[in-house]
């Protein structure tokens, strides 16, 4: 085998392995160790997943933009509820209809690792959201309820959304 062919085979194998790894990471964000991320990286990842879900579900991305603004509430629309269902599953925050409260707390620990007071406020919001009965809700409704509770808690407490 010539050096050229060997290099070509080696590069092809590397490319295939790398693309498989990237694809798996994008599809299964619940495998991402949140504590290894900076707040900006986590924010970028969450926004990216929201936008990917909107595209995948063919739902207007305007809902995502509206959700991330500080001066608006949570869109009460079936399309946005589908986006939150997709997002919660991809991020590993909810599995089916069961919230992963520890993973949600871990995300706030990333966002507020340098601000203990805001972290305590954010964790109290999670505690309040955890009190909401989620029985008999489908996955989209569970995720939507958590998104709504979280954003409303943030805005009420004065945390920047």
C-alpha atoms as a PDB file:
ATOM      1  CA  UNK A   1       0.000   0.000   0.000  1.00  0.00           C
ATOM      2  CA  UNK A   2       1.436   3.360  -0.957  1.00  0.00           C
ATOM      3  CA  UNK A   3       1.906   6.120   1.593  1.00  0.00           C
ATOM      4  CA  UNK A   4      -0.786   8.139  -0.155  1.00  0.00           C
ATOM      5  CA  UNK A   5      -3.358   5.330   0.054  1.00  0.00           C
ATOM      6  CA  UNK A   6      -2.452   4.668   3.685  1.00  0.00           C
ATOM      7  CA  UNK A   7      -2.914   8.357   4.559  1.00  0.00           C
ATOM      8  CA  UNK A   8      -6.200   8.446   2.662  1.00  0.00           C
ATOM      9  CA  UNK A   9      -7.528   5.395   4.538  1.00  0.00           C
ATOM     10  CA  UNK A  10      -6.342   6.804   7.857  1.00  0.00           C
ATOM     11  CA  UNK A  11      -7.934  10.208   7.213  1.00  0.00           C
ATOM     12  CA  UNK A  12     -11.188   8.571   6.101  1.00  0.00           C
ATOM     13  CA  UNK A  13     -11.333   6.454   9.251  1.00  0.00           C
ATOM     14  CA  UNK A  14     -10.629   9.501  11.407  1.00  0.00           C
ATOM     15  CA  UNK A  15     -13.320  11.525   9.629  1.00  0.00           C
ATOM     16  CA  UNK A  16     -15.927   8.779  10.055  1.00  0.00           C
ATOM     17  CA  UNK A  17     -15.098   8.349  13.740  1.00  0.00           C
ATOM     18  CA  UNK A  18     -15.195  12.097  14.346  1.00  0.00           C
ATOM     19  CA  UNK A  19     -18.484  12.659  12.522  1.00  0.00           C
ATOM     20  CA  UNK A  20     -20.092   9.770  14.430  1.00  0.00           C
ATOM     21  CA  UNK A  21     -18.914  11.274  17.708  1.00  0.00           C
ATOM     22  CA  UNK A  22     -20.212  14.752  16.846  1.00  0.00           C
ATOM     23  CA  UNK A  23     -23.539  13.355  15.657  1.00  0.00           C
ATOM     24  CA  UNK A  24     -23.976  11.331  18.838  1.00  0.00           C
ATOM     25  CA  UNK A  25     -23.142  14.363  21.014  1.00  0.00           C
ATOM     26  CA  UNK A  26     -25.663  16.550  19.176  1.00  0.00           C
ATOM     27  CA  UNK A  27     -28.440  13.979  19.366  1.00  0.00           C
ATOM     28  CA  UNK A  28     -27.891  13.058  22.998  1.00  0.00           C
ATOM     29  CA  UNK A  29     -27.118  16.231  24.911  1.00  0.00           C
ATOM     30  CA  UNK A  30     -28.130  14.474  28.109  1.00  0.00           C
ATOM     31  CA  UNK A  31     -24.721  12.796  27.860  1.00  0.00           C
ATOM     32  CA  UNK A  32     -23.012  16.197  27.995  1.00  0.00           C
ATOM     33  CA  UNK A  33     -21.559  16.779  31.442  1.00  0.00           C
ATOM     34  CA  UNK A  34     -23.001  20.183  32.217  1.00  0.00           C
ATOM     35  CA  UNK A  35     -20.450  20.960  34.919  1.00  0.00           C
ATOM     36  CA  UNK A  36     -17.733  20.880  32.238  1.00  0.00           C
ATOM     37  CA  UNK A  37     -19.371  23.807  30.427  1.00  0.00           C
ATOM     38  CA  UNK A  38     -19.043  27.520  30.983  1.00  0.00           C
ATOM     39  CA  UNK A  39     -22.258  29.509  31.411  1.00  0.00           C
ATOM     40  CA  UNK A  40     -21.880  30.836  27.843  1.00  0.00           C
ATOM     41  CA  UNK A  41     -21.347  27.344  26.424  1.00  0.00           C
ATOM     42  CA  UNK A  42     -24.448  26.058  28.218  1.00  0.00           C
ATOM     43  CA  UNK A  43     -26.507  29.041  27.071  1.00  0.00           C
ATOM     44  CA  UNK A  44     -25.317  28.538  23.484  1.00  0.00           C
ATOM     45  CA  UNK A  45     -26.113  24.817  23.671  1.00  0.00           C
ATOM     46  CA  UNK A  46     -29.599  25.408  25.053  1.00  0.00           C
ATOM     47  CA  UNK A  47     -30.417  28.034  22.432  1.00  0.00           C
ATOM     48  CA  UNK A  48     -29.070  25.767  19.690  1.00  0.00           C
ATOM     49  CA  UNK A  49     -31.214  22.851  20.884  1.00  0.00           C
ATOM     50  CA  UNK A  50     -34.326  25.054  21.037  1.00  0.00           C
ATOM     51  CA  UNK A  51     -33.682  26.227  17.477  1.00  0.00           C
ATOM     52  CA  UNK A  52     -32.931  22.691  16.231  1.00  0.00           C
ATOM     53  CA  UNK A  53     -36.201  21.505  17.754  1.00  0.00           C
ATOM     54  CA  UNK A  54     -38.131  24.321  16.060  1.00  0.00           C
ATOM     55  CA  UNK A  55     -36.621  23.375  12.700  1.00  0.00           C
ATOM     56  CA  UNK A  56     -37.147  19.644  13.256  1.00  0.00           C
ATOM     57  CA  UNK A  57     -40.800  20.192  14.184  1.00  0.00           C
ATOM     58  CA  UNK A  58     -41.348  22.836  11.495  1.00  0.00           C
ATOM     59  CA  UNK A  59     -42.485  25.387  14.085  1.00  0.00           C
ATOM     60  CA  UNK A  60     -41.865  29.132  13.807  1.00  0.00           C
ATOM     61  CA  UNK A  61     -38.527  30.010  15.466  1.00  0.00           C
ATOM     62  CA  UNK A  62     -40.137  33.276  16.530  1.00  0.00           C
ATOM     63  CA  UNK A  63     -41.520  31.403  19.533  1.00  0.00           C
ATOM     64  CA  UNK A  64     -37.975  30.625  20.653  1.00  0.00           C
ATOM     65  CA  UNK A  65     -36.889  34.237  20.197  1.00  0.00           C
ATOM     66  CA  UNK A  66     -39.908  35.441  22.172  1.00  0.00           C
ATOM     67  CA  UNK A  67     -39.232  32.929  24.954  1.00  0.00           C
ATOM     68  CA  UNK A  68     -35.669  34.148  25.437  1.00  0.00           C
ATOM     69  CA  UNK A  69     -36.626  37.812  25.743  1.00  0.00           C
ATOM     70  CA  UNK A  70     -36.888  39.316  29.235  1.00  0.00           C
ATOM     71  CA  UNK A  71     -39.925  41.431  28.418  1.00  0.00           C
ATOM     72  CA  UNK A  72     -42.265  38.646  27.307  1.00  0.00           C
ATOM     73  CA  UNK A  73     -44.064  35.744  28.853  1.00  0.00           C
ATOM     74  CA  UNK A  74     -44.042  32.159  27.665  1.00  0.00           C
ATOM     75  CA  UNK A  75     -45.820  31.567  24.350  1.00  0.00           C
ATOM     76  CA  UNK A  76     -49.022  29.580  24.991  1.00  0.00           C
ATOM     77  CA  UNK A  77     -49.111  27.707  21.706  1.00  0.00           C
ATOM     78  CA  UNK A  78     -49.143  24.036  20.721  1.00  0.00           C
ATOM     79  CA  UNK A  79     -46.110  24.609  18.496  1.00  0.00           C
ATOM     80  CA  UNK A  80     -44.056  26.073  21.325  1.00  0.00           C
ATOM     81  CA  UNK A  81     -45.156  23.260  23.642  1.00  0.00           C
ATOM     82  CA  UNK A  82     -43.811  20.764  21.096  1.00  0.00           C
ATOM     83  CA  UNK A  83     -40.523  22.665  21.001  1.00  0.00           C
ATOM     84  CA  UNK A  84     -40.222  22.513  24.794  1.00  0.00           C
ATOM     85  CA  UNK A  85     -40.905  18.767  24.710  1.00  0.00           C
ATOM     86  CA  UNK A  86     -38.147  18.203  22.170  1.00  0.00           C
ATOM     87  CA  UNK A  87     -35.763  20.513  24.053  1.00  0.00           C
ATOM     88  CA  UNK A  88     -36.355  18.913  27.458  1.00  0.00           C
ATOM     89  CA  UNK A  89     -35.707  15.439  26.082  1.00  0.00           C
ATOM     90  CA  UNK A  90     -32.593  16.436  24.136  1.00  0.00           C
ATOM     91  CA  UNK A  91     -31.077  18.267  27.087  1.00  0.00           C
ATOM     92  CA  UNK A  92     -31.892  15.435  29.475  1.00  0.00           C
ATOM     93  CA  UNK A  93     -33.986  17.711  31.684  1.00  0.00           C
ATOM     94  CA  UNK A  94     -37.056  15.524  31.229  1.00  0.00           C
ATOM     95  CA  UNK A  95     -37.418  11.899  30.201  1.00  0.00           C
ATOM     96  CA  UNK A  96     -40.904  11.143  28.935  1.00  0.00           C
ATOM     97  CA  UNK A  97     -42.985  12.842  31.607  1.00  0.00           C
ATOM     98  CA  UNK A  98     -40.436  12.630  34.432  1.00  0.00           C
ATOM     99  CA  UNK A  99     -38.330  15.721  35.174  1.00  0.00           C
ATOM    100  CA  UNK A 100     -34.678  15.188  36.046  1.00  0.00           C
ATOM    101  CA  UNK A 101     -34.566  17.703  38.888  1.00  0.00           C
ATOM    102  CA  UNK A 102     -30.904  17.052  39.626  1.00  0.00           C
ATOM    103  CA  UNK A 103     -29.903  17.831  36.047  1.00  0.00           C
ATOM    104  CA  UNK A 104     -31.967  21.026  36.148  1.00  0.00           C
ATOM    105  CA  UNK A 105     -30.210  22.032  39.369  1.00  0.00           C
ATOM    106  CA  UNK A 106     -26.857  21.191  37.782  1.00  0.00           C
ATOM    107  CA  UNK A 107     -27.617  23.593  34.921  1.00  0.00           C
ATOM    108  CA  UNK A 108     -28.223  26.424  37.402  1.00  0.00           C
ATOM    109  CA  UNK A 109     -25.007  25.557  39.210  1.00  0.00           C
ATOM    110  CA  UNK A 110     -23.231  26.145  35.891  1.00  0.00           C
ATOM    111  CA  UNK A 111     -25.015  29.425  35.205  1.00  0.00           C
ATOM    112  CA  UNK A 112     -24.481  30.826  38.695  1.00  0.00           C
ATOM    113  CA  UNK A 113     -21.241  29.229  39.848  1.00  0.00           C
ATOM    114  CA  UNK A 114     -19.794  32.707  40.417  1.00  0.00           C
ATOM    115  CA  UNK A 115     -22.872  34.185  42.113  1.00  0.00           C
ATOM    116  CA  UNK A 116     -24.021  32.262  45.167  1.00  0.00           C
ATOM    117  CA  UNK A 117     -26.974  34.570  45.867  1.00  0.00           C
ATOM    118  CA  UNK A 118     -28.424  34.171  42.362  1.00  0.00           C
ATOM    119  CA  UNK A 119     -27.768  30.420  42.526  1.00  0.00           C
ATOM    120  CA  UNK A 120     -29.801  30.166  45.723  1.00  0.00           C
ATOM    121  CA  UNK A 121     -32.619  32.137  44.090  1.00  0.00           C
ATOM    122  CA  UNK A 122     -32.560  29.925  40.980  1.00  0.00           C
ATOM    123  CA  UNK A 123     -32.565  26.736  43.066  1.00  0.00           C
ATOM    124  CA  UNK A 124     -35.568  28.042  45.021  1.00  0.00           C
ATOM    125  CA  UNK A 125     -37.349  28.479  41.696  1.00  0.00           C
ATOM    126  CA  UNK A 126     -36.623  24.825  40.879  1.00  0.00           C
ATOM    127  CA  UNK A 127     -37.962  23.838  44.311  1.00  0.00           C
ATOM    128  CA  UNK A 128     -41.172  25.784  43.638  1.00  0.00           C
ATOM    129  CA  UNK A 129     -41.554  24.257  40.179  1.00  0.00           C
ATOM    130  CA  UNK A 130     -41.049  20.809  41.681  1.00  0.00           C
ATOM    131  CA  UNK A 131     -44.213  21.326  43.751  1.00  0.00           C
ATOM    132  CA  UNK A 132     -46.405  21.624  40.648  1.00  0.00           C
ATOM    133  CA  UNK A 133     -48.434  18.451  40.037  1.00  0.00           C
ATOM    134  CA  UNK A 134     -47.476  16.987  36.671  1.00  0.00           C
ATOM    135  CA  UNK A 135     -49.673  13.886  36.771  1.00  0.00           C
ATOM    136  CA  UNK A 136     -51.723  13.152  33.666  1.00  0.00           C
ATOM    137  CA  UNK A 137     -49.690  15.554  31.501  1.00  0.00           C
ATOM    138  CA  UNK A 138     -47.974  14.419  28.326  1.00  0.00           C
ATOM    139  CA  UNK A 139     -44.281  15.095  27.733  1.00  0.00           C
ATOM    140  CA  UNK A 140     -44.859  18.358  25.894  1.00  0.00           C
ATOM    141  CA  UNK A 141     -47.129  19.675  28.647  1.00  0.00           C
ATOM    142  CA  UNK A 142     -44.631  18.672  31.364  1.00  0.00           C
ATOM    143  CA  UNK A 143     -41.806  20.482  29.580  1.00  0.00           C
ATOM    144  CA  UNK A 144     -43.993  23.500  28.852  1.00  0.00           C
ATOM    145  CA  UNK A 145     -45.135  23.688  32.478  1.00  0.00           C
ATOM    146  CA  UNK A 146     -41.523  23.630  33.655  1.00  0.00           C
ATOM    147  CA  UNK A 147     -40.460  26.252  31.088  1.00  0.00           C
ATOM    148  CA  UNK A 148     -43.340  28.504  32.136  1.00  0.00           C
ATOM    149  CA  UNK A 149     -42.727  28.030  35.863  1.00  0.00           C
ATOM    150  CA  UNK A 150     -39.019  28.673  35.469  1.00  0.00           C
ATOM    151  CA  UNK A 151     -39.350  31.815  33.370  1.00  0.00           C
ATOM    152  CA  UNK A 152     -42.094  33.263  35.542  1.00  0.00           C
ATOM    153  CA  UNK A 153     -39.988  32.518  38.633  1.00  0.00           C
ATOM    154  CA  UNK A 154     -37.007  34.266  37.092  1.00  0.00           C
ATOM    155  CA  UNK A 155     -38.940  37.357  36.127  1.00  0.00           C
ATOM    156  CA  UNK A 156     -40.701  37.527  39.496  1.00  0.00           C
ATOM    157  CA  UNK A 157     -37.430  37.199  41.434  1.00  0.00           C
ATOM    158  CA  UNK A 158     -35.580  39.750  39.300  1.00  0.00           C
ATOM    159  CA  UNK A 159     -33.096  37.311  37.784  1.00  0.00           C
ATOM    160  CA  UNK A 160     -32.073  38.079  34.227  1.00  0.00           C
ATOM    161  CA  UNK A 161     -33.620  35.583  31.836  1.00  0.00           C
END
